Amino acid sequence: MTSLLLRPHPTTRPTDVTGVVEWFGAMQAQDVASGLWSLGLRLPGWTQADVHQALERREALRTWPMRGTVHLVPSRDARWLLEVTGVRALAGAERRRAFLGLTEAEADRAADVLGEALAGGLRMTRAECLGTLNAAGIETTGQRGYHLLWYAAQRGVTCIAPHIGTEQTFALLDEWVPDPHRPDRDEALGILAVRYFRSHGPTTRQDFAGWTGLTAADAKRGIAAAGAALTTVSVDGVEAVVDPALLDAPRSPVDDVHALPGFDEYLLGYKDRSLMLDEAHKQAIIPGGNGVFQSTVVCGGRVVGTWKRTLGRTRVKVAVRPLADVDADSRARVGVALEAYATFVGLPLAVEWAAGTS
C-alpha cells in the first residue's frame, strides 16, 4: 500500500496528476470515472474537476499502450510506450480483423482518414470519428468502429483526449503532445521496470511481464537496465523485485481504510492477489471472471467488501456489500473513506449497507 501511494511513501509524494501517473508508469483506465478516482484518492483535497483540468492541461492522456487496454499514461511518454509495449498488440490484431471482416489496408486507411480529419488541433467525439469513417466509405458497424479507433491510437496517430461532458474525444497524438520523450529501447525498458516495481513492488518479474505485455526476455532486460534503482528480496520463498527505499521504511501498523475504484492498480497489477484478496471473494470482485472489476473496500490491506455508487442530481448514493465481518468502528472508517469520494465528485453522501457474506 506504500508503493501504491495508499500510504505515505518514505521518499516521495507526488502532488499532481503528472507525478502520480509517472509514479505508476501507466494506470488502467478503460472506465474513465474509475480512472479519475484512482488519481483523486492519491491526491488528497483534489476534486474531480481538478483532475479533469489537469488532463486538459495534458498532464496525462489515455490510450491503449499495453494488453489492448486503455490506460492513463504520462503524455510525453505515450509514444515510446506504444512503440515498446503496444507493438505486440498490433502484431496480434490480424486475427481480430479477420473476424470483423477488415483488412490491414482498410485499418490503415481509417487511421489516415482520422489523421486528416483531426489535423489542425481539432478534437472530435467518438460519434464524430465514426461518422467521419462512415462518410469515407469505411463501415463501422458492430465492433468494427471500436477496432478502428483502437488501431489508429495503437499506431500512434490519435490519442484519447479528455471527455467533453459525457463524450469521449480524440485528438492527434503528435499535436496533443508535440514534444514527446524519446528514450532508446533499453532506456525505455529500464524506465518501465523502475516505475512498475516502484509502484507495485515487491512483486515478481512474471507480474511485470504480465502487466506490460512484454516478453520474458524484455522484462529481464528492463530489470537489468534499472540497475541499482531496484533490488531483489525473497517473499515467502519467491524472488521478488522492489524499490530499495522500502526496505528501510518504518514498519508502522497498517489500519488504513480505502474505497477503491473498480479498475485500480491495487488489484490489477498482479496475477497472484492472495495478499489482498481472499480466494473465496474473487467471484464477488470479478463476477464471471470477465475482467470487469468491482469497486472495493480495503481495510488494513485486505479487500473486505464492494461498493457501488449511483450519482444523482443532489447526492451520491453508495451501496456497500461486506464480504467479511466489518465491525462498527471499521464501518465508521469506511464511511470516512466514502465521504472522501463524495467530496471528490462534489455531492452529499448517502450510504446503505447490504447484508454481508463471510
Protein backbone atom coordinates (compact mmCIF):
# COMPACT_ATOMS: atom_id res chain seq x y z
CA MET A 1 0.00 0.00 0.00
CA THR A 2 3.01 2.24 0.50
CA SER A 3 4.32 1.64 -3.00
CA LEU A 4 0.82 2.09 -4.43
CA LEU A 5 0.62 5.52 -2.75
CA LEU A 6 -2.19 4.43 -0.46
CA ARG A 7 0.13 5.10 2.47
CA PRO A 8 2.91 7.71 2.75
CA HIS A 9 5.98 6.65 0.80
CA PRO A 10 9.34 7.09 2.59
CA THR A 11 10.98 9.08 -0.22
CA THR A 12 8.35 10.97 -2.19
CA ARG A 13 4.74 12.02 -2.50
CA PRO A 14 3.52 13.09 -5.97
CA THR A 15 1.48 16.26 -5.75
CA ASP A 16 -0.11 16.41 -9.20
CA VAL A 17 -1.55 14.20 -11.93
CA THR A 18 1.73 14.08 -13.83
CA GLY A 19 3.55 12.87 -10.72
CA VAL A 20 1.04 10.14 -9.86
CA VAL A 21 0.83 8.74 -13.40
CA GLU A 22 4.62 8.84 -13.79
CA TRP A 23 4.94 7.02 -10.46
CA PHE A 24 2.90 4.14 -11.81
CA GLY A 25 4.12 4.32 -15.40
CA ALA A 26 0.55 3.65 -16.53
CA MET A 27 -2.80 3.28 -14.74
CA GLN A 28 -5.57 1.14 -16.17
CA ALA A 29 -8.47 3.43 -17.07
CA GLN A 30 -10.92 1.92 -19.55
CA ASP A 31 -13.64 3.27 -17.26
CA VAL A 32 -12.99 7.00 -17.10
CA ALA A 33 -14.78 7.58 -13.78
CA SER A 34 -12.68 4.87 -12.12
CA GLY A 35 -9.51 6.36 -13.60
CA LEU A 36 -10.34 9.80 -12.26
CA TRP A 37 -10.94 8.45 -8.74
CA SER A 38 -7.73 6.38 -8.87
CA LEU A 39 -5.97 9.71 -9.28
CA GLY A 40 -8.15 11.63 -6.85
CA LEU A 41 -7.70 9.29 -3.89
CA ARG A 42 -3.91 9.68 -4.29
CA LEU A 43 -4.19 13.47 -4.45
CA PRO A 44 -5.91 14.39 -1.15
CA GLY A 45 -8.03 17.51 -1.43
CA TRP A 46 -8.37 17.31 -5.21
CA THR A 47 -11.82 17.23 -6.80
CA GLN A 48 -12.95 15.55 -9.98
CA ALA A 49 -12.94 18.96 -11.66
CA ASP A 50 -9.32 19.48 -10.59
CA VAL A 51 -8.27 16.18 -12.15
CA HIS A 52 -10.19 16.93 -15.34
CA GLN A 53 -8.49 20.31 -15.63
CA ALA A 54 -5.09 18.63 -15.22
CA LEU A 55 -5.95 16.29 -18.08
CA GLU A 56 -6.98 19.30 -20.18
CA ARG A 57 -3.50 20.70 -19.40
CA ARG A 58 -2.22 17.44 -20.94
CA GLU A 59 -0.51 16.22 -17.77
CA ALA A 60 -1.62 12.72 -18.79
CA LEU A 61 -3.68 11.14 -21.53
CA ARG A 62 -5.48 7.89 -22.25
CA THR A 63 -4.50 5.41 -24.94
CA TRP A 64 -4.01 1.66 -25.47
CA PRO A 65 -0.34 1.10 -24.56
CA MET A 66 -0.47 -2.40 -23.12
CA ARG A 67 -2.53 -5.58 -23.43
CA GLY A 68 -5.04 -3.83 -25.71
CA THR A 69 -6.47 -2.00 -22.68
CA VAL A 70 -6.98 1.73 -22.09
CA HIS A 71 -4.51 3.26 -19.61
CA LEU A 72 -3.66 6.70 -18.32
CA VAL A 73 -0.05 7.43 -19.25
CA PRO A 74 2.25 10.44 -18.90
CA SER A 75 1.59 12.45 -22.06
CA ARG A 76 5.24 12.79 -23.08
CA ASP A 77 5.72 9.02 -22.65
CA ALA A 78 2.75 7.90 -24.73
CA ARG A 79 4.64 7.43 -27.98
CA TRP A 80 7.52 5.36 -26.64
CA LEU A 81 5.14 3.25 -24.57
CA LEU A 82 3.17 2.44 -27.73
CA GLU A 83 6.39 1.59 -29.54
CA VAL A 84 7.79 -0.62 -26.76
CA THR A 85 4.70 -2.34 -25.34
CA GLY A 86 2.00 -1.75 -27.94
CA VAL A 87 3.76 -3.37 -30.86
CA ARG A 88 2.82 -6.88 -29.73
CA ALA A 89 -0.87 -5.93 -29.63
CA LEU A 90 -0.61 -4.65 -33.21
CA ALA A 91 1.09 -7.84 -34.31
CA GLY A 92 -1.75 -9.88 -32.85
CA ALA A 93 -4.55 -7.83 -34.42
CA GLU A 94 -4.70 -9.70 -37.73
CA ARG A 95 -6.93 -12.45 -36.35
CA ARG A 96 -9.31 -9.89 -34.86
CA ARG A 97 -9.53 -8.03 -38.17
CA ALA A 98 -10.30 -11.27 -39.99
CA PHE A 99 -13.14 -11.94 -37.55
CA LEU A 100 -14.51 -8.42 -38.17
CA GLY A 101 -14.12 -8.65 -41.94
CA LEU A 102 -11.44 -5.94 -42.05
CA THR A 103 -8.16 -5.88 -43.89
CA GLU A 104 -4.97 -4.19 -42.74
CA ALA A 105 -5.27 -1.83 -45.70
CA GLU A 106 -8.75 -0.75 -44.53
CA ALA A 107 -7.48 -0.19 -40.98
CA ASP A 108 -4.56 1.88 -42.29
CA ARG A 109 -6.91 3.92 -44.45
CA ALA A 110 -9.17 4.54 -41.46
CA ALA A 111 -6.18 5.83 -39.47
CA ASP A 112 -5.26 8.13 -42.37
CA VAL A 113 -8.84 9.43 -42.63
CA LEU A 114 -8.92 10.23 -38.91
CA GLY A 115 -5.47 11.84 -39.14
CA GLU A 116 -6.65 14.18 -41.90
CA ALA A 117 -9.94 15.00 -40.14
CA LEU A 118 -8.24 15.88 -36.85
CA ALA A 119 -5.35 17.88 -38.32
CA GLY A 120 -5.02 21.47 -37.14
CA GLY A 121 -5.58 20.90 -33.43
CA LEU A 122 -9.15 19.61 -33.73
CA ARG A 123 -10.90 17.27 -31.32
CA MET A 124 -13.75 15.00 -32.31
CA THR A 125 -16.10 12.90 -30.24
CA ARG A 126 -16.28 9.16 -30.70
CA ALA A 127 -19.53 9.55 -32.64
CA GLU A 128 -17.97 12.19 -34.90
CA CYS A 129 -14.97 9.95 -35.57
CA LEU A 130 -17.22 7.05 -36.53
CA GLY A 131 -19.34 9.36 -38.70
CA THR A 132 -16.22 10.56 -40.47
CA LEU A 133 -15.18 6.98 -41.21
CA ASN A 134 -18.64 6.07 -42.48
CA ALA A 135 -18.66 9.13 -44.74
CA ALA A 136 -15.36 7.94 -46.18
CA GLY A 137 -16.94 4.59 -47.05
CA ILE A 138 -15.42 2.68 -44.13
CA GLU A 139 -18.11 0.67 -42.36
CA THR A 140 -18.06 0.92 -38.54
CA THR A 141 -20.96 -1.33 -37.56
CA GLY A 142 -20.66 -3.79 -34.70
CA GLN A 143 -17.18 -3.89 -33.20
CA ARG A 144 -15.51 -2.61 -36.37
CA GLY A 145 -15.67 1.00 -35.20
CA TYR A 146 -14.04 0.26 -31.85
CA HIS A 147 -11.28 -1.73 -33.53
CA LEU A 148 -10.54 1.07 -36.00
CA LEU A 149 -10.37 3.69 -33.23
CA TRP A 150 -8.07 1.37 -31.26
CA TYR A 151 -5.90 0.74 -34.31
CA ALA A 152 -5.43 4.45 -35.05
CA ALA A 153 -4.34 5.07 -31.45
CA GLN A 154 -2.17 1.93 -31.37
CA ARG A 155 -0.33 3.17 -34.44
CA GLY A 156 0.30 6.47 -32.65
CA VAL A 157 -1.93 8.54 -34.95
CA THR A 158 -4.53 9.51 -32.35
CA CYS A 159 -4.97 9.55 -28.57
CA ILE A 160 -7.97 9.81 -26.27
CA ALA A 161 -8.39 13.40 -25.12
CA PRO A 162 -10.45 14.34 -22.03
CA HIS A 163 -14.20 13.97 -22.13
CA ILE A 164 -16.34 16.92 -23.15
CA GLY A 165 -19.41 16.43 -20.98
CA THR A 166 -20.09 12.72 -21.23
CA GLU A 167 -18.48 12.35 -24.67
CA GLN A 168 -15.13 10.68 -25.23
CA THR A 169 -12.94 12.74 -27.58
CA PHE A 170 -9.94 12.04 -29.80
CA ALA A 171 -7.03 14.20 -30.97
CA LEU A 172 -3.86 13.72 -32.99
CA LEU A 173 -1.09 12.40 -30.74
CA ASP A 174 1.61 14.47 -32.48
CA GLU A 175 -0.42 17.66 -31.99
CA TRP A 176 -1.60 16.87 -28.46
CA VAL A 177 1.99 16.06 -27.40
CA PRO A 178 4.38 17.97 -29.69
CA ASP A 179 7.48 17.32 -27.52
CA PRO A 180 7.48 13.58 -26.70
CA HIS A 181 10.23 11.91 -24.69
CA ARG A 182 12.20 9.57 -26.96
CA PRO A 183 14.41 7.16 -24.98
CA ASP A 184 16.17 4.33 -26.78
CA ARG A 185 14.72 0.85 -26.29
CA ASP A 186 16.92 -0.27 -23.39
CA GLU A 187 16.41 3.03 -21.56
CA ALA A 188 12.66 2.73 -22.11
CA LEU A 189 12.60 -0.81 -20.72
CA GLY A 190 14.55 0.38 -17.69
CA ILE A 191 12.16 3.29 -17.08
CA LEU A 192 9.20 0.95 -17.31
CA ALA A 193 10.76 -1.54 -14.88
CA VAL A 194 11.60 1.15 -12.33
CA ARG A 195 8.10 2.61 -12.47
CA TYR A 196 6.32 -0.73 -12.26
CA PHE A 197 8.30 -2.19 -9.36
CA ARG A 198 8.47 1.14 -7.54
CA SER A 199 4.68 1.40 -7.66
CA HIS A 200 3.71 -2.28 -7.32
CA GLY A 201 6.63 -3.98 -5.58
CA PRO A 202 7.68 -6.19 -4.07
CA THR A 203 6.45 -8.44 -6.85
CA THR A 204 7.80 -10.78 -9.48
CA ARG A 205 9.36 -10.46 -12.90
CA GLN A 206 6.46 -12.56 -14.20
CA ASP A 207 3.99 -9.97 -12.90
CA PHE A 208 5.99 -7.26 -14.67
CA ALA A 209 5.83 -9.17 -17.94
CA GLY A 210 2.12 -9.82 -17.49
CA TRP A 211 1.33 -6.18 -16.67
CA THR A 212 3.29 -4.74 -19.59
CA GLY A 213 2.70 -7.49 -22.13
CA LEU A 214 6.47 -7.70 -22.65
CA THR A 215 8.26 -10.93 -23.43
CA ALA A 216 10.11 -12.60 -20.57
CA ALA A 217 13.39 -11.60 -22.22
CA ASP A 218 12.42 -7.92 -22.43
CA ALA A 219 11.18 -7.97 -18.83
CA LYS A 220 14.58 -9.30 -17.75
CA ARG A 221 16.35 -6.63 -19.86
CA GLY A 222 14.27 -3.89 -18.24
CA ILE A 223 15.16 -5.01 -14.71
CA ALA A 224 18.84 -5.18 -15.68
CA ALA A 225 18.67 -1.70 -17.23
CA ALA A 226 17.17 -0.32 -13.99
CA GLY A 227 20.39 -1.19 -12.16
CA ALA A 228 20.64 -0.02 -8.54
CA ALA A 229 17.19 1.63 -8.69
CA LEU A 230 15.76 -1.83 -7.93
CA THR A 231 16.78 -4.73 -5.71
CA THR A 232 15.60 -8.29 -5.08
CA VAL A 233 14.10 -9.79 -1.95
CA SER A 234 12.52 -13.11 -1.02
CA VAL A 235 8.78 -13.13 -0.34
CA ASP A 236 7.60 -16.49 1.02
CA GLY A 237 10.50 -18.15 -0.79
CA VAL A 238 9.79 -16.45 -4.13
CA GLU A 239 12.22 -13.93 -5.62
CA ALA A 240 10.61 -10.51 -5.93
CA VAL A 241 11.80 -7.07 -7.06
CA VAL A 242 11.34 -3.93 -5.01
CA ASP A 243 12.31 -0.28 -4.64
CA PRO A 244 15.20 -0.42 -2.11
CA ALA A 245 13.80 2.66 -0.35
CA LEU A 246 11.04 0.46 1.07
CA LEU A 247 13.48 -1.89 2.79
CA ASP A 248 14.45 0.71 5.40
CA ALA A 249 10.97 2.21 5.75
CA PRO A 250 9.49 2.19 9.29
CA ARG A 251 7.07 -0.66 9.92
CA SER A 252 4.08 1.23 11.27
CA PRO A 253 0.75 -0.54 11.94
CA VAL A 254 -1.49 -0.85 8.88
CA ASP A 255 -5.06 0.11 9.68
CA ASP A 256 -5.88 2.04 6.54
CA VAL A 257 -9.38 2.02 5.07
CA HIS A 258 -9.90 2.88 1.40
CA ALA A 259 -12.79 2.95 -1.07
CA LEU A 260 -11.02 1.97 -4.30
CA PRO A 261 -12.48 2.18 -7.81
CA GLY A 262 -13.11 -0.95 -9.79
CA PHE A 263 -10.05 -0.83 -12.01
CA ASP A 264 -7.47 0.40 -9.53
CA GLU A 265 -3.87 -0.79 -9.84
CA TYR A 266 -4.15 -2.16 -6.28
CA LEU A 267 -5.65 -5.35 -7.69
CA LEU A 268 -4.94 -5.07 -11.41
CA GLY A 269 -1.16 -5.03 -11.26
CA TYR A 270 -0.75 -8.67 -10.22
CA LYS A 271 -1.56 -12.24 -11.19
CA ASP A 272 -1.41 -13.53 -7.60
CA ARG A 273 -3.75 -11.39 -5.47
CA SER A 274 -3.73 -13.59 -2.37
CA LEU A 275 -2.05 -10.90 -0.25
CA MET A 276 -5.03 -8.59 -0.64
CA LEU A 277 -7.96 -10.79 -1.63
CA ASP A 278 -9.44 -13.98 -0.15
CA GLU A 279 -9.90 -16.58 -2.89
CA ALA A 280 -13.49 -17.08 -1.71
CA HIS A 281 -14.25 -13.45 -2.55
CA LYS A 282 -12.77 -13.43 -6.05
CA GLN A 283 -16.12 -14.08 -7.72
CA ALA A 284 -17.64 -11.04 -5.97
CA ILE A 285 -14.83 -8.79 -7.23
CA ILE A 286 -14.61 -10.16 -10.80
CA PRO A 287 -18.07 -11.66 -11.47
CA GLY A 288 -17.84 -14.40 -14.05
CA GLY A 289 -14.12 -13.80 -14.49
CA ASN A 290 -14.94 -11.37 -17.30
CA GLY A 291 -12.26 -8.82 -16.44
CA VAL A 292 -14.72 -6.25 -15.06
CA PHE A 293 -13.52 -5.42 -11.53
CA GLN A 294 -15.97 -4.14 -8.93
CA SER A 295 -15.12 -1.20 -6.69
CA THR A 296 -13.64 -2.46 -3.43
CA VAL A 297 -13.47 -1.56 0.25
CA VAL A 298 -9.99 -2.26 1.63
CA CYS A 299 -9.22 -2.42 5.37
CA GLY A 300 -5.65 -2.98 6.54
CA GLY A 301 -4.61 -4.10 3.07
CA ARG A 302 -7.37 -6.70 2.63
CA VAL A 303 -10.49 -6.46 0.49
CA VAL A 304 -13.46 -6.68 2.86
CA GLY A 305 -16.30 -5.52 0.64
CA THR A 306 -17.54 -3.97 -2.57
CA TRP A 307 -19.34 -0.70 -3.22
CA LYS A 308 -21.49 0.69 -5.99
CA ARG A 309 -22.32 4.31 -6.46
CA THR A 310 -25.32 5.97 -8.08
CA LEU A 311 -24.84 9.62 -8.98
CA GLY A 312 -27.96 11.73 -8.66
CA ARG A 313 -28.54 15.45 -9.06
CA THR A 314 -28.50 16.14 -5.34
CA ARG A 315 -26.47 13.29 -3.80
CA VAL A 316 -24.31 10.24 -4.45
CA LYS A 317 -25.85 7.05 -3.13
CA VAL A 318 -23.41 4.26 -2.24
CA ALA A 319 -24.40 0.66 -1.56
CA VAL A 320 -21.75 -1.28 0.40
CA ARG A 321 -21.72 -5.08 0.39
CA PRO A 322 -19.41 -6.54 3.07
CA LEU A 323 -17.55 -9.73 2.20
CA ALA A 324 -16.12 -10.21 5.69
CA ASP A 325 -17.01 -9.14 9.20
CA VAL A 326 -16.83 -5.34 9.44
CA ASP A 327 -17.30 -4.09 13.00
CA ALA A 328 -18.89 -0.78 13.94
CA ASP A 329 -15.56 1.06 14.20
CA SER A 330 -14.47 -0.17 10.77
CA ARG A 331 -17.85 0.78 9.29
CA ALA A 332 -17.36 4.29 10.58
CA ARG A 333 -13.94 4.45 8.91
CA VAL A 334 -15.43 3.10 5.68
CA GLY A 335 -17.88 5.98 5.90
CA VAL A 336 -15.00 8.43 6.13
CA ALA A 337 -13.38 6.89 3.04
CA LEU A 338 -16.64 7.18 1.13
CA GLU A 339 -17.06 10.78 2.28
CA ALA A 340 -13.73 11.48 0.58
CA TYR A 341 -15.19 10.10 -2.65
CA ALA A 342 -18.37 12.17 -2.23
CA THR A 343 -16.27 15.30 -1.74
CA PHE A 344 -14.30 14.37 -4.86
CA VAL A 345 -17.47 14.30 -7.00
CA GLY A 346 -18.97 17.29 -5.17
CA LEU A 347 -22.15 15.69 -3.84
CA PRO A 348 -23.55 14.82 -0.38
CA LEU A 349 -23.24 11.14 0.53
CA ALA A 350 -25.89 8.56 1.39
CA VAL A 351 -24.58 5.11 2.40
CA GLU A 352 -26.56 1.88 2.54
CA TRP A 353 -25.05 -1.35 3.93
CA ALA A 354 -26.29 -4.59 2.41
CA ALA A 355 -26.37 -7.91 4.23
CA GLY A 356 -22.87 -9.35 4.05
CA THR A 357 -21.40 -12.75 3.40
CA SER A 358 -18.38 -14.28 5.03
